[in-house]
């Protein structure tokens, strides 16, 4: 989770550099939260697409694909639980 927060903070700093007047601390915090939520949504979407790709494997590789998809789902579940506990 810390890595996502770091990504959000770095993006906020980049946004702040582009502005004519810097964000106030509260604004920077809110922008970082928005960026972090966007990163999380993008991450989850990518993982959903990975699961979908696994499920499209030929039947001869279905067992391996199912194991990979299950592992991705477990990681998704862990991510969601960790994010929920941060709020």
Protein backbone atom coordinates (compact mmCIF):
# COMPACT_ATOMS: atom_id res chain seq x y z
CA UNK A 1 0.00 0.00 0.00
CA UNK A 2 2.88 2.31 0.76
CA UNK A 3 4.05 2.10 -2.86
CA UNK A 4 0.65 3.31 -4.09
CA UNK A 5 0.81 6.23 -1.69
CA UNK A 6 4.30 7.11 -2.93
CA UNK A 7 3.09 7.00 -6.55
CA UNK A 8 0.19 9.30 -5.64
CA UNK A 9 2.48 11.72 -3.81
CA UNK A 10 4.92 11.84 -6.71
CA UNK A 11 2.06 12.50 -9.14
CA UNK A 12 0.78 15.26 -6.85
CA UNK A 13 4.23 16.86 -6.78
CA UNK A 14 4.33 16.72 -10.57
CA UNK A 15 0.91 18.34 -10.80
CA UNK A 16 1.97 20.98 -8.31
CA UNK A 17 5.00 21.90 -10.46
CA UNK A 18 2.73 22.54 -13.44
CA UNK A 19 0.47 24.96 -11.59
CA UNK A 20 1.03 28.72 -11.55
CA UNK A 21 0.49 28.79 -7.80
CA UNK A 22 1.28 25.79 -5.62
CA UNK A 23 -1.44 23.75 -3.99
CA UNK A 24 -2.20 24.42 -0.37
CA UNK A 25 -1.29 21.49 1.91
CA UNK A 26 -4.93 20.39 2.26
CA UNK A 27 -5.41 20.58 -1.52
CA UNK A 28 -2.23 18.57 -2.11
CA UNK A 29 -3.52 15.92 0.29
CA UNK A 30 -6.88 15.75 -1.51
CA UNK A 31 -5.19 15.56 -4.94
CA UNK A 32 -2.95 12.76 -3.67
CA UNK A 33 -6.05 10.87 -2.49
CA UNK A 34 -7.71 11.29 -5.89
CA UNK A 35 -4.58 10.11 -7.68
CA UNK A 36 -4.19 7.14 -5.33
CA UNK A 37 -7.78 6.07 -5.94
CA UNK A 38 -7.25 6.35 -9.70
CA UNK A 39 -4.09 4.23 -9.46
CA UNK A 40 -5.95 1.61 -7.43
CA UNK A 41 -8.82 1.48 -9.93
CA UNK A 42 -6.35 1.12 -12.81
CA UNK A 43 -4.47 -1.61 -10.96
CA UNK A 44 -7.65 -3.55 -10.28
CA UNK A 45 -8.79 -3.15 -13.88
CA UNK A 46 -5.45 -4.52 -15.08
CA UNK A 47 -5.79 -7.49 -12.78
CA UNK A 48 -9.34 -8.15 -13.99
CA UNK A 49 -8.06 -8.13 -17.56
CA UNK A 50 -5.31 -10.57 -16.60
CA UNK A 51 -7.91 -12.94 -15.15
CA UNK A 52 -10.00 -12.60 -18.30
CA UNK A 53 -6.94 -13.41 -20.43
CA UNK A 54 -6.27 -16.51 -18.32
CA UNK A 55 -9.80 -17.72 -18.85
CA UNK A 56 -9.39 -17.46 -22.64
CA UNK A 57 -6.55 -19.99 -22.70
CA UNK A 58 -7.02 -23.18 -24.73
CA UNK A 59 -8.51 -26.11 -22.85
CA UNK A 60 -5.16 -27.92 -22.79
CA UNK A 61 -3.75 -25.11 -20.62
CA UNK A 62 -6.93 -24.44 -18.67
CA UNK A 63 -5.65 -25.96 -15.40
CA UNK A 64 -2.60 -23.71 -15.32
CA UNK A 65 -4.67 -20.71 -16.40
CA UNK A 66 -7.16 -21.41 -13.62
CA UNK A 67 -4.35 -21.50 -11.04
CA UNK A 68 -2.95 -18.21 -12.30
CA UNK A 69 -6.41 -16.58 -12.33
CA UNK A 70 -7.04 -17.82 -8.78
CA UNK A 71 -3.74 -16.35 -7.61
CA UNK A 72 -4.62 -13.00 -9.21
CA UNK A 73 -8.04 -13.03 -7.54
CA UNK A 74 -6.44 -13.74 -4.14
CA UNK A 75 -4.09 -10.79 -4.66
CA UNK A 76 -7.08 -8.60 -5.61
CA UNK A 77 -8.91 -9.66 -2.47
CA UNK A 78 -5.87 -8.92 -0.30
CA UNK A 79 -5.47 -5.51 -1.94
CA UNK A 80 -9.11 -4.62 -1.35
CA UNK A 81 -8.92 -5.72 2.31
CA UNK A 82 -5.73 -3.68 2.85
CA UNK A 83 -7.24 -0.62 1.18
CA UNK A 84 -10.41 -0.92 3.22
CA UNK A 85 -8.40 -1.00 6.44
CA UNK A 86 -6.59 2.22 5.46
CA UNK A 87 -9.81 4.20 5.34
